[in-house]
Every structure is written in structure tokens, then in C-alpha cells.
Amino acid sequence: MLIMEGECIIRDMDIRKIRGVVKDYAWGNSDFIPSLIGGYTGRPQAELWLGTHPSGDASVEGDGTLSALVMNDKAYLGEKGWNEYGGKLPLLMKVLAIAKPLSLQCHPDKVQAERGWKREEDARKRGEAVSYQDDNEKCEMIAALSPITAMCGFRDLEVIKADLAAAVPAAYGRTLKSLAVDIETLFMSLFSLPDEEKEAILSELRASLEASAEPSWEGLFITRKGISLECLDEYPGDIGSLFPYLMNIVHLQIGEAMPIVPGTLHAYVFGNGIELMNASDNVLRGGLTRKRMDLPELRSIMKFEPLDVRKCTTETDGYGRTVFSSPSPDFRLLAAASGTYEIKNDPIAIVFVTEGAVRFSSKGESLVLSKGEAAVIPSGLEYTMTVRGNAYISEVPDA
């Protein structure tokens, strides 16, 4: 049943299946995303985008793009969400499949993104390389679908110095000790070292690690030693291979999540997960990359204080779903295990089924999502969600 009110279409039930966009980045693995959605190609499939960002706009089953659906049908965002976000979905949900360490990266806040986007306007028009892909901040969180190892934020300076002195004692005495007056000076100075000094540091690091009796893996998690060895192999000559000794190593068990706020240097290393973020693709890189780096801009947005990494806390909402604490007011991530959930007056949401199947029922209509399928749910819809397995839900909290 369709009821027309001006240009706003209201439906008794209009949960629509959507199909995400796969990104074949080199750091991805070749099996996890195909195990969910099919389409095995043998190539590394790193990300599945479920959102409206122009770099990967999801498609709606039988009806164009998700961005067009949300823009043209105000019922999806609802009146409050439409007024707040102007017809745009402010979040981006992804599935990540990580086989190799990603680039060390940092994301801007809203003010920094707007400033950078505006400053690079002429360069974009000329087709030149730029650092900002949009004017949105990029705050994010990741929930583990398998054990995940990541690097996130800087360690205490005294701990960094002690570990560098142990890992590369000759290089520490010769070069690094004098640079380690503070984290910012150490980090930025490493990039400007002569190539021969970088090579000497990395050669000593490899020899030290290979001689060490410490394990590269502890169970399903890769250790600091293992990360550095993988970086040395994957990114020859990149001084970023030393950075696992500057940064916190974080391990996430299945079902755990970690927030990452703008200004935090980080890199995912290994594992599979659900990532949720602002609808942004702004990435400033700081090592472990063959892509462009803009070190002055990176320095201007990055936080160099030691970070006490804390995982997301969880609570149960009024419908019985697990809610992860969110680092942003623009999105929140929920999980629904096997059970029946009666939902009323929720904001717009994207649902992705990671195990089993989910049945949605409302006013005599129903829709079933199988493992690997996703859907968008309009704001304010009353429905029953019956889960046999597990599903993740991304929502715009205030829409």
C-alpha cells in the first residue's frame, strides 16, 4: 500500500534489500566476503560498502541506488532525520576482510575536513592529487566477526624508548635516542631520515626480530614482533615497519568492538569485522603505504599524546538488542542474536546478516534476509524481527 503526501512516499512496510559495493584492495583476503555474499573471484576482497557514499553507493533491489532512495523518499530518514541531514545518510557500514596490515592512517574531524576540502577546491578542479575526498569528519568503530589485531594510538614515550632501545640498540644509540624528545618529534623525524639510515634501522630491526625467541602469533592474534615482520616483508624500505613499537597493539575477541576518534593514528592488521563510520572517505596516511602521503597535513590533524585504548562498552536496549557505545552522535552499532524482537519507532537502519537468517514482519507483509544479505529499514516502522543466527544493525540515533 502506498500513500502519497506531497513528494514523501509512506509505505505500510518498505524494508528494502540492498546490495553493497565490493572493494578489491590488496590488503584484503580472498575468501571471507565471498563466504558471505558469494562471487568468489580469487582476488583479495577487502571491503563491502553498505551506504550512500559516492565512492561506493549501494544498490536497492530493483530500484536504483540507496542514495537516490533516501534522497527521494523522505520517509526513510523521517522528518527529524531529513531536517538534520538534508536527505543524506550520515553513516557508512562496511564489512572488512583483513589479511595484511593496512596503511597507518588518521582521519579528520568536521572542522578539519571542511577546511581541507575547501582549501583543495582548485586542485580538485585541475585534477591534481588531494588529501580530502569530502568535507565530512571520519569517526569510526570496528566490531570483530573473527579475532582482530590492530594498532591504535601511541604508547607512553618512556615505554617506546625502552622498547626501541631493546629492538634496535645500535640505531637507538646512534639516531633514535636524540629524536625521542617527544612522540611528535620522533614520529615526524623518522620520515626525514636519509634513506641509508632508514635502511640501517630496518635491517637491524629484521635481524633483531629474527633472532628473538618471542612468538609472532599468540593463538589467533599476531604479536608486535609478527606485525613488524609482516610490515618489513610487505613494505620494503618503509620506516613504518618500526611503528608497531610506537603504537598500542589491540586484540579484539569475536563480538568485541573498538572506537577510533578523529586524530588517532591506527591500522588494522588482521581479521574480519563490521566497521561503522561517518559517511566519509577522508584518509591521511602515515606509513606502510605505496599511496600518497601528505605529512604536513597529517601532522596538523593528528594527536600525539599517549592513548589509553578502551574497547566499546555494551548494554541492552529496550528491545533486547546489544548496543555498542559509539564514538559519534551520528551513528550507533547494534547486534541481534537469535531471538524475536518487536521494534517500534526506530530511526533509519541498515541491517546485515552475518549468520543464519532474519525474517522481518509488519502489517501482514514479510521479508527474509539470508546470510550475507542486507536491507535498509525506514524510520518509524513498526515490525517484528526474528533472528536465527546473528545480525548487525547500524542506525542514525537521532533520526
Protein backbone atom coordinates (compact mmCIF):
# COMPACT_ATOMS: atom_id res chain seq x y z
CA MET A 1 0.00 0.00 0.00
CA LEU A 2 1.39 3.42 -0.98
CA ILE A 3 0.11 6.75 0.30
CA MET A 4 1.33 9.90 -1.35
CA GLU A 5 1.83 13.03 0.76
CA GLY A 6 3.39 15.66 -1.46
CA GLU A 7 6.72 14.19 -2.52
CA CYS A 8 7.04 11.98 0.54
CA ILE A 9 6.04 8.33 -0.02
CA ILE A 10 4.80 6.49 3.06
CA ARG A 11 4.55 2.70 2.99
CA ASP A 12 2.97 0.24 5.40
CA MET A 13 6.20 -1.75 5.09
CA ASP A 14 9.15 -0.95 2.94
CA ILE A 15 12.19 -2.76 4.17
CA ARG A 16 14.26 -2.98 1.01
CA LYS A 17 17.10 -5.33 0.22
CA ILE A 18 20.32 -3.60 -0.76
CA ARG A 19 23.49 -4.84 -2.41
CA GLY A 20 26.82 -3.43 -1.27
CA VAL A 21 29.89 -2.49 -3.28
CA VAL A 22 32.99 -4.70 -3.02
CA LYS A 23 36.44 -3.09 -2.92
CA ASP A 24 39.33 -5.26 -4.12
CA TYR A 25 42.19 -3.70 -2.15
CA ALA A 26 45.48 -5.60 -1.96
CA TRP A 27 45.36 -5.99 1.83
CA GLY A 28 42.10 -7.94 1.71
CA ASN A 29 41.69 -11.70 1.90
CA SER A 30 40.12 -13.71 -0.90
CA ASP A 31 37.56 -15.78 0.98
CA PHE A 32 35.72 -14.02 3.83
CA ILE A 33 33.48 -11.63 1.88
CA PRO A 34 32.75 -14.28 -0.81
CA SER A 35 31.79 -16.67 2.01
CA LEU A 36 29.10 -14.16 2.95
CA ILE A 37 27.84 -12.85 -0.38
CA GLY A 38 29.19 -15.31 -2.96
CA GLY A 39 31.00 -14.20 -6.09
CA TYR A 40 34.41 -15.71 -5.37
CA THR A 41 36.95 -14.20 -7.77
CA GLY A 42 40.27 -15.29 -6.29
CA ARG A 43 41.23 -11.63 -5.88
CA PRO A 44 41.64 -10.00 -2.47
CA GLN A 45 38.23 -8.65 -1.49
CA ALA A 46 38.89 -6.18 1.30
CA GLU A 47 35.70 -4.22 1.93
CA LEU A 48 31.97 -4.42 1.34
CA TRP A 49 30.42 -0.94 1.48
CA LEU A 50 26.81 -0.61 2.68
CA GLY A 51 25.91 3.05 2.44
CA THR A 52 25.45 6.02 0.13
CA HIS A 53 28.97 7.42 -0.21
CA PRO A 54 29.61 8.29 -3.88
CA SER A 55 32.74 6.13 -3.87
CA GLY A 56 30.58 3.06 -3.19
CA ASP A 57 26.82 3.71 -3.34
CA ALA A 58 24.85 0.54 -2.55
CA SER A 59 22.11 -0.53 -4.93
CA VAL A 60 18.48 -1.17 -3.95
CA GLU A 61 16.99 -4.38 -5.23
CA GLY A 62 15.14 -3.47 -8.42
CA ASP A 63 15.21 0.26 -7.78
CA GLY A 64 18.45 2.20 -8.40
CA THR A 65 20.82 3.39 -5.72
CA LEU A 66 20.47 3.69 -1.96
CA SER A 67 21.39 7.39 -2.10
CA ALA A 68 18.55 8.05 -4.55
CA LEU A 69 16.08 6.12 -2.40
CA VAL A 70 16.99 8.06 0.75
CA MET A 71 17.02 11.40 -1.07
CA ASN A 72 13.74 10.88 -2.94
CA ASP A 73 11.70 9.27 -0.17
CA LYS A 74 11.67 11.34 3.00
CA ALA A 75 10.02 8.53 4.93
CA TYR A 76 13.34 6.71 5.17
CA LEU A 77 15.17 9.36 7.19
CA GLY A 78 11.96 10.59 8.80
CA GLU A 79 11.14 14.24 9.32
CA LYS A 80 13.73 14.82 12.04
CA GLY A 81 16.47 12.96 10.17
CA TRP A 82 15.65 14.75 6.93
CA ASN A 83 15.88 18.14 8.58
CA GLU A 84 19.15 17.19 10.30
CA TYR A 85 20.93 15.53 7.39
CA GLY A 86 19.25 17.02 4.30
CA GLY A 87 18.40 13.77 2.56
CA LYS A 88 21.82 12.16 3.07
CA LEU A 89 22.61 9.08 5.13
CA PRO A 90 25.32 10.25 7.59
CA LEU A 91 26.79 6.81 8.21
CA LEU A 92 28.66 4.16 6.24
CA MET A 93 28.64 0.49 7.22
CA LYS A 94 31.36 -1.84 5.93
CA VAL A 95 32.46 -5.44 6.18
CA LEU A 96 36.27 -5.66 6.39
CA ALA A 97 38.35 -8.72 5.48
CA ILE A 98 41.96 -8.05 6.51
CA ALA A 99 44.84 -10.33 5.51
CA LYS A 100 47.70 -7.83 5.63
CA PRO A 101 48.43 -4.66 7.61
CA LEU A 102 46.63 -1.61 6.25
CA SER A 103 48.30 1.75 5.81
CA LEU A 104 48.89 3.69 9.00
CA GLN A 105 46.19 6.32 8.80
CA CYS A 106 44.43 9.15 10.54
CA HIS A 107 41.08 10.85 9.91
CA PRO A 108 39.97 14.48 10.36
CA ASP A 109 37.23 15.93 12.50
CA LYS A 110 34.45 18.02 10.92
CA VAL A 111 36.24 21.37 11.16
CA GLN A 112 39.46 19.93 9.73
CA ALA A 113 37.61 18.19 6.90
CA GLU A 114 35.67 21.30 5.89
CA ARG A 115 38.84 23.37 5.97
CA GLY A 116 40.84 20.84 3.93
CA TRP A 117 38.06 20.28 1.39
CA LYS A 118 37.69 23.99 0.78
CA ARG A 119 41.43 24.59 0.54
CA GLU A 120 41.84 21.88 -2.10
CA GLU A 121 38.92 23.01 -4.27
CA ASP A 122 41.07 24.43 -7.06
CA ALA A 123 43.40 21.43 -7.03
CA ARG A 124 40.44 19.06 -7.45
CA LYS A 125 39.20 21.07 -10.42
CA ARG A 126 42.63 20.75 -12.02
CA GLY A 127 42.58 17.00 -11.49
CA GLU A 128 45.50 17.06 -9.06
CA ALA A 129 46.01 14.65 -6.17
CA VAL A 130 44.30 15.84 -2.99
CA SER A 131 44.14 14.74 0.64
CA TYR A 132 40.40 15.23 1.20
CA GLN A 133 37.72 13.27 -0.62
CA ASP A 134 34.78 15.03 1.05
CA ASP A 135 34.04 17.60 3.75
CA ASN A 136 32.92 15.11 6.41
CA GLU A 137 34.65 14.04 9.58
CA LYS A 138 35.55 10.38 9.86
CA CYS A 139 34.93 8.81 13.23
CA GLU A 140 34.69 5.02 13.25
CA MET A 141 34.36 1.79 15.18
CA ILE A 142 35.02 -1.86 14.36
CA ALA A 143 33.34 -4.98 15.76
CA ALA A 144 35.09 -8.33 15.43
CA LEU A 145 33.49 -11.13 13.39
CA SER A 146 36.71 -13.11 13.90
CA PRO A 147 39.69 -12.29 16.14
CA ILE A 148 41.14 -8.93 15.07
CA THR A 149 44.54 -7.38 15.72
CA ALA A 150 45.01 -3.64 15.23
CA MET A 151 47.41 -0.82 16.03
CA CYS A 152 45.77 2.18 17.64
CA GLY A 153 47.27 5.37 19.08
CA PHE A 154 50.66 5.98 20.65
CA ARG A 155 52.17 4.32 23.71
CA ASP A 156 53.80 6.18 26.57
CA LEU A 157 57.07 7.80 25.45
CA GLU A 158 59.19 6.03 28.09
CA VAL A 159 57.80 2.65 27.01
CA ILE A 160 58.53 3.50 23.37
CA LYS A 161 62.11 4.45 24.20
CA ALA A 162 62.74 1.30 26.24
CA ASP A 163 61.39 -1.00 23.52
CA LEU A 164 63.27 0.76 20.73
CA ALA A 165 66.48 0.50 22.75
CA ALA A 166 65.88 -3.24 23.10
CA ALA A 167 64.75 -3.88 19.49
CA VAL A 168 67.35 -1.76 17.65
CA PRO A 169 70.04 -0.87 20.20
CA ALA A 170 72.64 0.36 17.72
CA ALA A 171 70.16 2.56 15.85
CA TYR A 172 68.73 3.81 19.13
CA GLY A 173 72.11 4.94 20.41
CA ARG A 174 73.15 6.36 17.06
CA THR A 175 69.95 8.14 15.97
CA LEU A 176 66.67 7.43 17.72
CA LYS A 177 67.55 8.45 21.27
CA SER A 178 68.23 12.04 20.22
CA LEU A 179 64.95 12.16 18.29
CA ALA A 180 62.82 10.81 21.11
CA VAL A 181 62.37 14.12 22.93
CA ASP A 182 58.63 13.69 22.44
CA ILE A 183 56.33 11.49 20.35
CA GLU A 184 55.67 14.11 17.69
CA THR A 185 59.35 14.82 17.10
CA LEU A 186 60.21 11.13 16.94
CA PHE A 187 57.36 10.25 14.60
CA MET A 188 57.88 13.09 12.13
CA SER A 189 61.70 12.89 12.19
CA LEU A 190 61.71 9.24 11.15
CA PHE A 191 60.29 10.17 7.76
CA SER A 192 63.01 12.72 7.06
CA LEU A 193 65.97 10.46 7.87
CA PRO A 194 68.36 9.75 4.99
CA ASP A 195 67.43 6.60 3.06
CA GLU A 196 70.62 4.86 4.13
CA GLU A 197 69.78 5.43 7.79
CA LYS A 198 66.26 4.13 7.32
CA GLU A 199 67.67 1.01 5.68
CA ALA A 200 70.16 0.55 8.52
CA ILE A 201 67.38 0.82 11.12
CA LEU A 202 65.14 -1.63 9.26
CA SER A 203 67.97 -4.09 8.69
CA GLU A 204 68.79 -4.09 12.39
CA LEU A 205 65.10 -4.46 13.22
CA ARG A 206 64.75 -7.52 10.98
CA ALA A 207 67.90 -9.15 12.38
CA SER A 208 66.75 -8.48 15.94
CA LEU A 209 63.27 -9.90 15.33
CA GLU A 210 64.51 -12.99 13.52
CA ALA A 211 66.93 -13.72 16.37
CA SER A 212 64.26 -13.25 19.02
CA ALA A 213 62.60 -16.27 20.62
CA GLU A 214 59.35 -14.36 21.07
CA PRO A 215 56.43 -15.78 19.05
CA SER A 216 54.96 -13.99 16.04
CA TRP A 217 51.50 -15.29 16.93
CA GLU A 218 49.80 -15.95 20.25
CA GLY A 219 46.82 -18.13 19.47
CA LEU A 220 44.75 -16.31 16.83
CA PHE A 221 46.38 -12.94 17.44
CA ILE A 222 49.51 -11.55 15.79
CA THR A 223 52.10 -10.08 18.17
CA ARG A 224 54.12 -6.87 17.95
CA LYS A 225 57.03 -8.91 16.57
CA GLY A 226 54.80 -10.59 14.00
CA ILE A 227 53.34 -7.28 12.87
CA SER A 228 56.77 -5.74 12.33
CA LEU A 229 57.98 -8.77 10.37
CA GLU A 230 54.89 -8.67 8.15
CA CYS A 231 55.38 -4.95 7.57
CA LEU A 232 59.06 -5.48 6.66
CA ASP A 233 58.02 -8.08 4.10
CA GLU A 234 55.05 -6.19 2.70
CA TYR A 235 56.51 -2.67 2.65
CA PRO A 236 60.28 -2.93 1.98
CA GLY A 237 62.14 0.23 2.93
CA ASP A 238 59.12 1.77 4.68
CA ILE A 239 60.12 3.20 8.07
CA GLY A 240 56.55 2.48 9.20
CA SER A 241 57.72 -1.08 9.91
CA LEU A 242 59.23 0.37 13.11
CA PHE A 243 55.93 1.92 14.20
CA PRO A 244 54.46 -1.15 15.94
CA TYR A 245 56.97 -0.21 18.67
CA LEU A 246 55.50 3.29 18.88
CA MET A 247 51.85 2.21 18.96
CA ASN A 248 49.40 0.23 21.07
CA ILE A 249 48.60 -3.28 19.85
CA VAL A 250 44.93 -4.13 20.39
CA HIS A 251 43.32 -7.57 20.17
CA LEU A 252 39.56 -7.94 19.75
CA GLN A 253 37.78 -11.19 20.51
CA ILE A 254 34.69 -12.07 18.47
CA GLY A 255 31.88 -9.71 19.49
CA GLU A 256 34.18 -7.05 20.93
CA ALA A 257 34.42 -3.59 19.36
CA MET A 258 36.83 -0.66 19.42
CA PRO A 259 36.16 3.05 18.77
CA ILE A 260 38.53 5.29 16.81
CA VAL A 261 38.07 9.04 17.04
CA PRO A 262 39.43 11.62 14.58
CA GLY A 263 43.10 12.41 15.06
CA THR A 264 44.06 8.86 16.12
CA LEU A 265 46.79 7.10 14.15
CA HIS A 266 45.76 3.49 13.57
CA ALA A 267 45.93 0.49 11.26
CA TYR A 268 44.01 -2.76 11.17
CA VAL A 269 46.40 -5.70 10.88
CA PHE A 270 44.49 -8.98 10.64
CA GLY A 271 40.95 -10.32 10.98
CA ASN A 272 37.38 -9.75 9.81
CA GLY A 273 34.84 -7.30 11.17
CA ILE A 274 31.97 -4.88 10.82
CA GLU A 275 33.10 -1.27 10.55
CA LEU A 276 30.78 1.70 11.07
CA MET A 277 31.74 5.32 10.43
CA ASN A 278 30.63 8.71 9.27
CA ALA A 279 29.88 8.82 5.54
CA SER A 280 33.41 9.86 4.69
CA ASP A 281 36.44 8.56 2.79
CA ASN A 282 38.97 11.02 4.22
CA VAL A 283 42.24 9.20 4.90
CA LEU A 284 45.61 10.83 5.72
CA ARG A 285 48.33 8.19 5.54
CA GLY A 286 51.40 7.92 7.78
CA GLY A 287 53.48 5.00 6.61
CA LEU A 288 53.05 1.38 5.46
CA THR A 289 51.74 2.56 2.13
CA ARG A 290 52.57 2.88 -1.52
CA LYS A 291 49.99 5.62 -1.83
CA ARG A 292 50.37 9.37 -1.49
CA MET A 293 51.28 10.81 1.90
CA ASP A 294 50.69 14.42 2.94
CA LEU A 295 52.83 14.60 6.08
CA PRO A 296 52.28 18.30 6.86
CA GLU A 297 48.50 17.81 6.75
CA LEU A 298 48.75 14.57 8.70
CA ARG A 299 50.71 16.39 11.39
CA SER A 300 48.09 19.12 11.57
CA ILE A 301 45.21 16.74 12.33
CA MET A 302 46.94 14.03 14.37
CA LYS A 303 47.01 13.67 18.17
CA PHE A 304 50.45 12.79 19.52
CA GLU A 305 49.51 12.22 23.15
CA PRO A 306 49.72 8.65 24.51
CA LEU A 307 46.38 6.87 24.16
CA ASP A 308 44.80 4.61 26.76
CA VAL A 309 42.87 2.38 24.36
CA ARG A 310 39.44 1.35 25.61
CA LYS A 311 37.10 -1.06 23.93
CA CYS A 312 33.44 -0.24 23.41
CA THR A 313 31.15 -0.98 26.30
CA THR A 314 27.83 -2.71 25.66
CA GLU A 315 24.33 -2.50 27.02
CA THR A 316 20.96 -4.00 26.14
CA ASP A 317 18.38 -1.69 24.62
CA GLY A 318 14.64 -1.76 25.32
CA TYR A 319 14.09 -4.29 22.55
CA GLY A 320 16.74 -6.75 23.79
CA ARG A 321 19.48 -5.97 21.27
CA THR A 322 23.12 -5.38 22.18
CA VAL A 323 24.18 -1.74 21.74
CA PHE A 324 27.88 -0.84 21.47
CA SER A 325 28.96 2.50 22.88
CA SER A 326 29.55 4.83 19.94
CA PRO A 327 32.31 7.40 19.41
CA SER A 328 29.93 9.59 17.36
CA PRO A 329 26.43 11.04 17.75
CA ASP A 330 25.81 10.32 14.05
CA PHE A 331 25.78 6.52 14.29
CA ARG A 332 25.44 3.57 16.58
CA LEU A 333 26.04 -0.14 16.10
CA LEU A 334 23.80 -2.89 17.45
CA ALA A 335 23.88 -6.69 17.34
CA ALA A 336 20.90 -9.03 17.41
CA ALA A 337 21.44 -12.70 18.28
CA SER A 338 18.87 -15.46 17.82
CA GLY A 339 15.50 -14.37 19.13
CA THR A 340 12.41 -12.30 18.34
CA TYR A 341 12.48 -8.51 18.61
CA GLU A 342 9.45 -6.20 18.50
CA ILE A 343 10.69 -2.88 17.13
CA LYS A 344 8.81 0.43 17.26
CA ASN A 345 9.83 3.95 16.29
CA ASP A 346 13.45 3.15 15.48
CA PRO A 347 15.44 5.51 13.26
CA ILE A 348 16.58 4.58 9.75
CA ALA A 349 18.79 1.50 9.88
CA ILE A 350 20.90 -0.81 7.73
CA VAL A 351 20.85 -4.48 8.72
CA PHE A 352 23.46 -7.03 7.65
CA VAL A 353 23.10 -10.75 8.39
CA THR A 354 26.38 -12.43 9.36
CA GLU A 355 24.97 -15.84 10.30
CA GLY A 356 21.74 -17.69 9.58
CA ALA A 357 18.72 -15.66 8.51
CA VAL A 358 16.41 -12.87 9.65
CA ARG A 359 12.68 -12.52 8.98
CA PHE A 360 11.02 -9.09 9.11
CA SER A 361 7.23 -8.94 9.51
CA SER A 362 4.95 -5.92 9.53
CA LYS A 363 1.23 -5.47 8.81
CA GLY A 364 0.85 -8.78 7.05
CA GLU A 365 3.99 -8.46 4.91
CA SER A 366 7.32 -10.19 5.41
CA LEU A 367 10.86 -10.18 4.07
CA VAL A 368 13.63 -12.72 4.71
CA LEU A 369 17.35 -11.93 4.63
CA SER A 370 19.82 -14.79 4.42
CA LYS A 371 23.46 -14.80 5.48
CA GLY A 372 25.35 -12.08 3.60
CA GLU A 373 22.25 -10.09 2.69
CA ALA A 374 21.47 -6.54 3.82
CA ALA A 375 18.47 -4.23 3.94
CA VAL A 376 17.54 -0.65 4.70
CA ILE A 377 14.69 -0.02 7.14
CA PRO A 378 12.77 3.29 7.09
CA SER A 379 12.46 5.46 10.17
CA GLY A 380 9.49 4.88 12.47
CA LEU A 381 8.44 1.48 11.07
CA GLU A 382 6.83 -0.99 13.50
CA TYR A 383 7.98 -4.51 12.75
CA THR A 384 8.95 -7.88 14.18
CA MET A 385 12.48 -9.11 13.58
CA THR A 386 13.01 -12.84 14.06
CA VAL A 387 16.70 -13.79 14.07
CA ARG A 388 18.08 -17.27 13.65
CA GLY A 389 21.80 -16.60 13.78
CA ASN A 390 23.22 -13.12 14.09
CA ALA A 391 22.75 -9.69 12.52
CA TYR A 392 24.40 -6.29 12.88
CA ILE A 393 22.41 -3.08 12.67
CA SER A 394 23.69 0.43 12.01
CA GLU A 395 21.41 3.32 12.96
CA VAL A 396 21.30 7.10 12.89
CA PRO A 397 20.46 7.63 16.59
CA ASP A 398 18.59 10.92 16.39
CA ALA A 399 16.81 10.49 13.05
